[in-house]
Protein backbone atom coordinates (compact mmCIF):
# COMPACT_ATOMS: atom_id res chain seq x y z
CA UNK A 1 0.00 0.00 0.00
CA UNK A 2 1.27 3.44 -0.88
CA UNK A 3 1.68 5.92 2.00
CA UNK A 4 1.57 9.65 1.96
CA UNK A 5 5.00 10.04 3.47
CA UNK A 6 6.11 13.58 2.71
CA UNK A 7 3.46 14.23 0.09
CA UNK A 8 1.31 17.29 0.42
CA UNK A 9 -2.14 15.74 0.61
CA UNK A 10 -4.73 13.21 -0.42
CA UNK A 11 -4.06 11.69 -3.83
CA UNK A 12 -0.99 13.82 -4.46
CA UNK A 13 0.74 13.43 -7.81
CA UNK A 14 4.13 12.70 -6.26
CA UNK A 15 5.37 9.10 -6.11
CA UNK A 16 4.53 7.45 -2.81
CA UNK A 17 1.26 9.37 -2.48
CA UNK A 18 -2.01 7.90 -1.37
CA UNK A 19 -2.92 7.05 -4.97
CA UNK A 20 0.66 6.24 -5.96
CA UNK A 21 1.83 8.18 -9.01
CA UNK A 22 -0.51 10.45 -10.91
CA UNK A 23 -0.69 8.13 -13.90
CA UNK A 24 -1.54 4.97 -11.98
CA UNK A 25 -4.03 6.72 -9.72
CA UNK A 26 -5.86 8.33 -12.60
CA UNK A 27 -5.88 5.13 -14.58
CA UNK A 28 -7.33 3.09 -11.73
CA UNK A 29 -9.94 5.73 -10.96
CA UNK A 30 -11.07 6.69 -14.43
CA UNK A 31 -10.33 3.69 -16.72
CA UNK A 32 -13.75 2.61 -18.08
CA UNK A 33 -14.66 -1.05 -18.19
CA UNK A 34 -15.02 -2.41 -21.71
CA UNK A 35 -18.34 -4.14 -22.35
CA UNK A 36 -19.42 -6.02 -25.46
CA UNK A 37 -22.74 -4.70 -26.77
CA UNK A 38 -24.93 -7.01 -28.86
CA UNK A 39 -25.33 -6.18 -32.51
CA UNK A 40 -28.68 -5.22 -34.01
CA UNK A 41 -28.90 -8.60 -35.73
CA UNK A 42 -28.34 -10.41 -32.42
CA UNK A 43 -31.02 -8.32 -30.73
CA UNK A 44 -33.52 -9.13 -33.48
CA UNK A 45 -32.58 -12.82 -33.40
CA UNK A 46 -32.94 -13.03 -29.60
CA UNK A 47 -36.28 -11.23 -29.72
CA UNK A 48 -37.52 -13.56 -32.45
CA UNK A 49 -36.46 -16.64 -30.44
CA UNK A 50 -38.20 -15.26 -27.34
CA UNK A 51 -41.46 -14.71 -29.21
CA UNK A 52 -41.29 -18.14 -30.89
CA UNK A 53 -40.69 -19.88 -27.54
CA UNK A 54 -43.85 -18.28 -26.15
CA UNK A 55 -46.15 -18.57 -29.16
CA UNK A 56 -45.02 -21.26 -31.62
CA UNK A 57 -42.52 -23.79 -30.31
CA UNK A 58 -41.71 -26.55 -32.80
CA UNK A 59 -40.54 -29.56 -30.82
CA UNK A 60 -43.02 -32.40 -31.40
CA UNK A 61 -45.15 -31.26 -34.32
CA UNK A 62 -48.39 -32.04 -32.50
CA UNK A 63 -50.59 -30.75 -29.69
CA UNK A 64 -47.80 -31.06 -27.17
CA UNK A 65 -46.17 -27.94 -28.62
CA UNK A 66 -49.15 -25.87 -27.40
CA UNK A 67 -48.61 -27.25 -23.90
CA UNK A 68 -44.90 -26.35 -24.11
CA UNK A 69 -45.86 -22.83 -25.19
CA UNK A 70 -48.08 -22.40 -22.13
CA UNK A 71 -45.32 -23.74 -19.88
CA UNK A 72 -42.84 -21.30 -21.44
CA UNK A 73 -45.31 -18.46 -20.91
CA UNK A 74 -45.57 -19.40 -17.23
CA UNK A 75 -41.78 -19.51 -16.88
CA UNK A 76 -41.40 -16.15 -18.64
CA UNK A 77 -44.05 -14.61 -16.39
CA UNK A 78 -42.15 -15.87 -13.32
CA UNK A 79 -38.77 -14.86 -14.75
CA UNK A 80 -37.13 -18.26 -14.22
CA UNK A 81 -35.99 -21.25 -16.25
CA UNK A 82 -35.34 -21.84 -19.94
CA UNK A 83 -37.80 -21.96 -22.81
CA UNK A 84 -37.27 -24.65 -25.48
CA UNK A 85 -38.81 -23.95 -28.87
CA UNK A 86 -36.83 -25.95 -31.47
CA UNK A 87 -34.67 -29.04 -31.28
CA UNK A 88 -31.68 -27.56 -33.12
CA UNK A 89 -31.78 -24.20 -31.29
CA UNK A 90 -30.50 -23.18 -27.86
CA UNK A 91 -33.26 -22.53 -25.33
CA UNK A 92 -34.22 -19.00 -24.37
CA UNK A 93 -33.29 -17.98 -20.81
CA UNK A 94 -36.05 -16.23 -18.89
CA UNK A 95 -35.15 -13.79 -16.11
CA UNK A 96 -36.74 -11.00 -14.10
CA UNK A 97 -35.47 -8.41 -16.59
CA UNK A 98 -37.54 -9.86 -19.40
CA UNK A 99 -40.46 -7.92 -20.88
CA UNK A 100 -42.92 -10.75 -20.05
CA UNK A 101 -42.03 -10.97 -16.36
CA UNK A 102 -45.27 -10.19 -14.51
CA UNK A 103 -44.13 -9.79 -10.90
CA UNK A 104 -42.77 -6.29 -11.05
CA UNK A 105 -43.78 -2.84 -9.89
CA UNK A 106 -42.48 0.69 -9.45
CA UNK A 107 -41.69 2.12 -6.02
CA UNK A 108 -40.09 5.37 -4.94
CA UNK A 109 -36.72 5.85 -3.30
CA UNK A 110 -35.57 8.89 -1.42
CA UNK A 111 -32.88 10.87 -3.19
CA UNK A 112 -29.58 11.21 -1.41
CA UNK A 113 -29.14 14.45 0.51
CA UNK A 114 -25.38 14.41 -0.06
CA UNK A 115 -23.39 15.97 -2.88
CA UNK A 116 -20.15 14.70 -4.32
CA UNK A 117 -18.31 17.51 -2.52
CA UNK A 118 -19.59 16.20 0.83
CA UNK A 119 -17.31 13.20 0.38
CA UNK A 120 -19.69 10.63 1.88
CA UNK A 121 -18.81 7.01 1.13
CA UNK A 122 -20.76 3.95 2.30
CA UNK A 123 -18.81 0.87 3.35
CA UNK A 124 -20.73 -2.35 4.04
CA UNK A 125 -19.12 -4.27 6.91
CA UNK A 126 -19.97 -7.92 7.56
CA UNK A 127 -20.14 -7.42 11.33
CA UNK A 128 -23.16 -6.97 13.64
CA UNK A 129 -24.12 -3.49 14.73
CA UNK A 130 -23.35 -4.38 18.36
CA UNK A 131 -19.65 -4.58 17.53
CA UNK A 132 -19.69 -0.92 16.47
CA UNK A 133 -22.07 0.54 19.05
CA UNK A 134 -19.60 1.77 21.70
CA UNK A 135 -17.34 4.80 21.36
CA UNK A 136 -14.25 2.64 21.90
CA UNK A 137 -15.16 0.30 19.04
CA UNK A 138 -15.87 3.23 16.73
CA UNK A 139 -12.54 4.82 17.57
CA UNK A 140 -10.80 1.55 16.65
CA UNK A 141 -12.64 1.64 13.31
CA UNK A 142 -11.45 5.20 12.67
CA UNK A 143 -7.88 4.25 13.58
CA UNK A 144 -7.98 1.31 11.15
CA UNK A 145 -9.29 3.57 8.36
CA UNK A 146 -6.52 6.08 9.05
CA UNK A 147 -3.96 3.30 8.68
CA UNK A 148 -5.47 2.33 5.31
CA UNK A 149 -5.38 6.00 4.33
CA UNK A 150 -1.63 6.03 4.88
CA UNK A 151 -1.31 7.21 8.50
CA UNK A 152 -0.97 10.80 7.32
CA UNK A 153 -1.79 13.37 10.01
CA UNK A 154 -3.10 15.70 7.30
CA UNK A 155 -5.66 13.15 6.06
CA UNK A 156 -8.08 11.86 8.69
CA UNK A 157 -11.21 9.72 8.46
CA UNK A 158 -14.45 10.75 10.15
CA UNK A 159 -17.71 8.89 10.86
CA UNK A 160 -20.95 10.32 9.48
CA UNK A 161 -23.40 7.61 10.56
CA UNK A 162 -23.66 3.91 11.44
CA UNK A 163 -26.80 1.90 10.84
CA UNK A 164 -27.62 -1.82 11.14
CA UNK A 165 -28.93 -3.76 8.16
CA UNK A 166 -32.06 -5.97 8.28
CA UNK A 167 -30.13 -9.26 8.45
CA UNK A 168 -28.45 -8.17 11.73
CA UNK A 169 -25.11 -9.48 10.43
CA UNK A 170 -24.00 -6.50 8.34
CA UNK A 171 -23.64 -2.82 9.14
CA UNK A 172 -23.52 0.22 6.87
CA UNK A 173 -20.95 2.83 7.86
CA UNK A 174 -20.94 6.28 6.27
CA UNK A 175 -17.56 7.98 6.38
CA UNK A 176 -15.78 10.98 4.92
CA UNK A 177 -12.16 12.11 4.86
CA UNK A 178 -10.85 15.55 5.75
CA UNK A 179 -7.63 16.80 4.23
CA UNK A 180 -5.95 19.57 6.17
CA UNK A 181 -6.10 22.87 4.32
CA UNK A 182 -8.35 21.50 1.54
CA UNK A 183 -11.48 20.23 3.24
CA UNK A 184 -13.31 17.04 2.41
CA UNK A 185 -12.15 14.60 -0.25
CA UNK A 186 -14.87 14.06 -2.88
CA UNK A 187 -17.01 10.93 -2.80
CA UNK A 188 -15.81 9.74 -6.22
CA UNK A 189 -12.15 10.21 -5.37
CA UNK A 190 -12.41 8.49 -1.99
CA UNK A 191 -14.42 5.59 -3.42
CA UNK A 192 -11.94 5.11 -6.26
CA UNK A 193 -9.08 5.02 -3.75
CA UNK A 194 -10.76 2.39 -1.57
CA UNK A 195 -11.46 0.23 -4.64
CA UNK A 196 -7.78 -0.04 -5.58
CA UNK A 197 -6.57 -3.65 -5.14
CA UNK A 198 -4.27 -2.99 -2.17
CA UNK A 199 -6.76 -0.86 -0.25
CA UNK A 200 -9.68 -3.17 -1.10
CA UNK A 201 -7.71 -6.14 0.26
CA UNK A 202 -6.96 -4.25 3.48
CA UNK A 203 -10.59 -3.25 3.92
CA UNK A 204 -11.72 -6.84 3.43
CA UNK A 205 -9.12 -8.44 5.72
CA UNK A 206 -9.07 -5.84 8.52
CA UNK A 207 -12.63 -4.50 8.56
CA UNK A 208 -14.61 -7.26 6.78
CA UNK A 209 -15.79 -4.78 4.14
CA UNK A 210 -17.86 -6.32 1.35
CA UNK A 211 -18.70 -3.23 -0.71
CA UNK A 212 -17.80 0.44 -1.10
CA UNK A 213 -20.30 2.85 -2.67
CA UNK A 214 -20.07 6.64 -3.06
CA UNK A 215 -23.16 8.37 -1.67
CA UNK A 216 -24.22 11.44 -3.61
CA UNK A 217 -27.30 12.59 -5.47
CA UNK A 218 -27.57 12.50 -9.26
CA UNK A 219 -27.12 15.79 -11.02
CA UNK A 220 -29.92 17.27 -13.11
CA UNK A 221 -28.62 15.87 -16.43
CA UNK A 222 -28.25 12.29 -15.17
CA UNK A 223 -31.60 12.48 -13.39
CA UNK A 224 -33.31 13.58 -16.60
CA UNK A 225 -31.80 10.65 -18.53
CA UNK A 226 -32.81 8.24 -15.75
CA UNK A 227 -36.42 9.45 -15.75
CA UNK A 228 -36.71 9.40 -19.54
CA UNK A 229 -35.25 5.90 -19.97
CA UNK A 230 -37.53 3.00 -18.94
CA UNK A 231 -35.74 0.23 -17.03
CA UNK A 232 -35.12 -3.06 -18.81
CA UNK A 233 -38.33 -5.06 -19.08
CA UNK A 234 -40.65 -2.16 -18.17
CA UNK A 235 -43.20 -0.69 -20.54
CA UNK A 236 -42.42 2.90 -21.53
CA UNK A 237 -45.95 4.11 -20.77
CA UNK A 238 -45.91 2.44 -17.35
CA UNK A 239 -42.61 4.10 -16.48
CA UNK A 240 -43.81 7.45 -17.79
CA UNK A 241 -46.92 7.21 -15.63
CA UNK A 242 -44.81 6.31 -12.58
CA UNK A 243 -42.69 9.41 -13.13
CA UNK A 244 -45.85 11.49 -13.43
CA UNK A 245 -47.36 10.00 -10.22
CA UNK A 246 -44.26 10.77 -8.13
CA UNK A 247 -45.69 12.25 -4.88
CA UNK A 248 -42.55 14.31 -4.18
CA UNK A 249 -40.33 14.82 -7.25
CA UNK A 250 -37.88 16.96 -5.28
CA UNK A 251 -37.07 14.19 -2.80
CA UNK A 252 -38.17 10.93 -4.43
CA UNK A 253 -37.29 9.08 -7.64
CA UNK A 254 -39.13 6.09 -9.15
CA UNK A 255 -37.35 2.79 -8.75
CA UNK A 256 -38.09 -0.57 -10.46
CA UNK A 257 -38.92 -3.55 -8.24
CA UNK A 258 -38.58 -7.00 -9.80
CA UNK A 259 -39.73 -10.17 -8.09
CA UNK A 260 -40.67 -11.07 -4.54
CA UNK A 261 -37.06 -11.16 -3.35
CA UNK A 262 -36.49 -7.49 -4.17
CA UNK A 263 -39.86 -6.62 -2.65
CA UNK A 264 -39.00 -8.50 0.56
CA UNK A 265 -35.59 -6.85 0.76
CA UNK A 266 -37.20 -3.46 0.27
CA UNK A 267 -39.68 -4.19 3.06
CA UNK A 268 -36.86 -5.31 5.37
CA UNK A 269 -34.99 -2.08 4.67
CA UNK A 270 -38.11 -0.06 5.42
CA UNK A 271 -38.58 -1.94 8.70
CA UNK A 272 -34.95 -1.28 9.59
CA UNK A 273 -35.42 2.43 8.89
CA UNK A 274 -38.53 2.36 11.07
CA UNK A 275 -36.56 0.81 13.94
CA UNK A 276 -33.87 3.47 13.56
CA UNK A 277 -36.55 6.15 13.72
CA UNK A 278 -38.06 4.52 16.82
CA UNK A 279 -34.63 4.40 18.43
CA UNK A 280 -34.06 8.08 17.66
CA UNK A 281 -37.51 8.99 19.00
CA UNK A 282 -36.84 7.02 22.20
CA UNK A 283 -33.55 8.86 22.65
CA UNK A 284 -35.32 12.20 22.12
CA UNK A 285 -38.02 11.15 24.60
CA UNK A 286 -35.35 10.33 27.19
CA UNK A 287 -33.67 13.69 26.67
CA UNK A 288 -37.02 15.47 26.94
CA UNK A 289 -37.63 13.78 30.31
CA UNK A 290 -34.19 14.85 31.52
CA UNK A 291 -34.75 18.43 30.37
CA UNK A 292 -38.21 18.48 31.98
CA UNK A 293 -36.74 17.31 35.29
CA UNK A 294 -34.02 19.95 35.12
CA UNK A 295 -36.58 22.65 34.34
CA UNK A 296 -38.74 21.54 37.28
CA UNK A 297 -35.74 21.59 39.60
CA UNK A 298 -34.60 25.04 38.46
CA UNK A 299 -38.16 26.36 38.59
CA UNK A 300 -38.55 25.14 42.17
CA UNK A 301 -35.29 26.71 43.22
CA UNK A 302 -36.23 29.94 41.48
CA UNK A 303 -39.66 30.01 43.16
CA UNK A 304 -38.05 29.65 46.57
CA UNK A 305 -36.06 32.83 46.04
CA UNK A 306 -38.56 34.81 44.00
CA UNK A 307 -41.94 34.27 45.73
CA UNK A 308 -42.78 36.89 48.39
CA UNK A 309 -43.18 35.84 52.04
CA UNK A 310 -46.86 35.22 52.87
CA UNK A 311 -48.70 36.00 56.13
CA UNK A 312 -48.25 32.49 57.52
CA UNK A 313 -44.49 32.67 57.05
CA UNK A 314 -44.45 36.13 58.66
CA UNK A 315 -46.31 34.76 61.68
CA UNK A 316 -43.85 31.88 61.91
CA UNK A 317 -40.96 34.33 61.78
CA UNK A 318 -42.54 36.48 64.53
CA UNK A 319 -43.06 33.48 66.77
CA UNK A 320 -39.53 32.26 66.29
CA UNK A 321 -38.15 35.73 67.02
CA UNK A 322 -40.29 35.94 70.18
CA UNK A 323 -39.01 32.56 71.34
CA UNK A 324 -35.44 33.58 70.64
CA UNK A 325 -35.92 36.83 72.58
CA UNK A 326 -37.51 34.96 75.50
CA UNK A 327 -34.60 32.57 75.64
CA UNK A 328 -31.91 35.28 75.41
CA UNK A 329 -33.55 37.92 77.68
CA UNK A 330 -31.94 38.64 81.09
CA UNK A 331 -33.14 36.50 84.02
CA UNK A 332 -34.94 34.19 81.59
CA UNK A 333 -34.49 30.55 80.74
CA UNK A 334 -31.10 30.72 79.01
CA UNK A 335 -29.45 32.91 81.64
CA UNK A 336 -30.94 31.00 84.55
CA UNK A 337 -29.83 27.69 83.14
CA UNK A 338 -26.35 29.14 82.69
CA UNK A 339 -26.34 30.33 86.32
CA UNK A 340 -27.45 26.94 87.56
CA UNK A 341 -24.74 25.23 85.52
CA UNK A 342 -22.15 27.62 86.95
CA UNK A 343 -23.32 26.96 90.50
CA UNK A 344 -23.23 23.22 89.96
CA UNK A 345 -19.76 23.48 88.49
CA UNK A 346 -18.30 25.86 91.14
CA UNK A 347 -19.99 24.50 94.25
CA UNK A 348 -20.27 20.84 93.42
CA UNK A 349 -18.24 19.84 96.54
CA UNK A 350 -20.36 21.97 98.87
CA UNK A 351 -23.55 20.63 97.39
CA UNK A 352 -22.27 17.08 97.77
CA UNK A 353 -21.36 17.72 101.44
CA UNK A 354 -24.72 19.34 102.11
CA UNK A 355 -26.54 16.43 100.54
CA UNK A 356 -24.70 14.03 102.88
CA UNK A 357 -25.87 15.97 105.96
CA UNK A 358 -29.29 17.10 106.93
CA UNK A 359 -32.04 17.41 104.38
CA UNK A 360 -32.56 20.85 102.87
CA UNK A 361 -35.69 22.53 104.16
CA UNK A 362 -37.27 25.17 101.93
CA UNK A 363 -39.48 27.93 103.11
CA UNK A 364 -42.97 28.33 101.73
CA UNK A 365 -41.90 31.48 99.88
CA UNK A 366 -39.03 29.65 98.21
CA UNK A 367 -41.27 26.75 97.25
CA UNK A 368 -43.72 29.21 95.69
CA UNK A 369 -40.96 30.86 93.64
CA UNK A 370 -39.67 27.49 92.44
CA UNK A 371 -43.19 26.42 91.49
CA UNK A 372 -43.70 29.66 89.53
CA UNK A 373 -40.36 29.20 87.80
CA UNK A 374 -41.14 25.61 86.82
CA UNK A 375 -44.59 26.69 85.65
CA UNK A 376 -43.08 29.32 83.36
CA UNK A 377 -40.63 26.74 82.02
CA UNK A 378 -43.51 24.37 81.35
CA UNK A 379 -45.46 27.08 79.53
CA UNK A 380 -42.43 27.99 77.44
CA UNK A 381 -41.86 24.36 76.49
CA UNK A 382 -45.54 23.89 75.61
CA UNK A 383 -45.40 27.04 73.47
CA UNK A 384 -42.36 25.72 71.61
CA UNK A 385 -44.02 22.34 71.05
CA UNK A 386 -47.19 24.05 69.82
CA UNK A 387 -45.28 26.20 67.33
CA UNK A 388 -43.28 23.24 66.06
CA UNK A 389 -46.39 21.13 65.58
CA UNK A 390 -48.34 23.91 63.85
CA UNK A 391 -45.52 24.58 61.37
CA UNK A 392 -44.32 21.03 60.83
CA UNK A 393 -46.20 20.71 57.53
CA UNK A 394 -44.81 24.02 56.27
CA UNK A 395 -41.27 22.97 57.08
CA UNK A 396 -41.82 19.63 55.29
CA UNK A 397 -42.97 21.44 52.13
CA UNK A 398 -39.95 23.76 52.24
CA UNK A 399 -37.53 20.84 52.71
CA UNK A 400 -39.05 18.84 49.85
CA UNK A 401 -38.88 21.88 47.55
CA UNK A 402 -35.23 22.45 48.36
CA UNK A 403 -34.39 18.80 47.70
């Protein structure tokens, strides 16, 4: 495989470039394949043999020839088998491209949204989609493509999309290549490079690639020729009517469908596209739920700081301030508790000695003062409990909103 080495870019004309030398690269990319076209006499002869096999076979010279003709008509309608019509002539081969094949229709395919300048190339890999689903696996794929591209830091492969095929054993990967300072390599140029023998062998052995196809829409001239030329085996009026009935000429093109196998494959592809759409919708639905949860969270936090304090909250604030003032006021609960703690700490020995002697006898006046003090403490505690109970629900709402 040729490498870029010190060349200036993708497909450079210097020896050792990605396409090798300019002459070999151009030859491999642009050399047309020679095909042998049948002569007019051969076309007429083949058409005559086809008609004779369906209308007037001459094999037995009796009524059995009519039965052979009907059998040939059935084979031609199904697009299979060979039609014998004369002992000294080769049989006519019937296929799905024949004009008498009956199981055919015209569908509509979506036109590609890519242009040649977008550089999109489709590579069909004979691996399940699961082997390309993680970011690590996709990075390994990109690294392998970069190696096939010559390991040039100026020419790097990028992934456009990855989609599973209906058989669950192959995966279509859309890629493009960026060349530093020049942008994307064209689809035709990239496809021609990948189809060179050395690169094709690397793609097949390293990435299990079975096919490489450039993905770009037909230009206006080619599209006009395509629409004006009926496919092989299709009636011109039928094709013309299909072009006329196109529901969206800007996005769709008519496409011939021959036989049940092509119809089944088309249905499988449509089902696969439907599953991809469902997967995308599910991902969007998940993101919508996440965004909705974030909006609810931010809205709750914003409401906590933006909504004005109501009368209930003002009353709660007043009660809490009154309790705080009652606790901190001179000669009230907090100061008296502090004094008692100081007495217990400073005179613990004297209190212990006094408790070992005679019992302490309180006067009636002292008992009355202690009773009043304990009564006030009880009232204060009951007030605190009442406030806490009355505002417990409000506090729960505030806590849940903050969380």
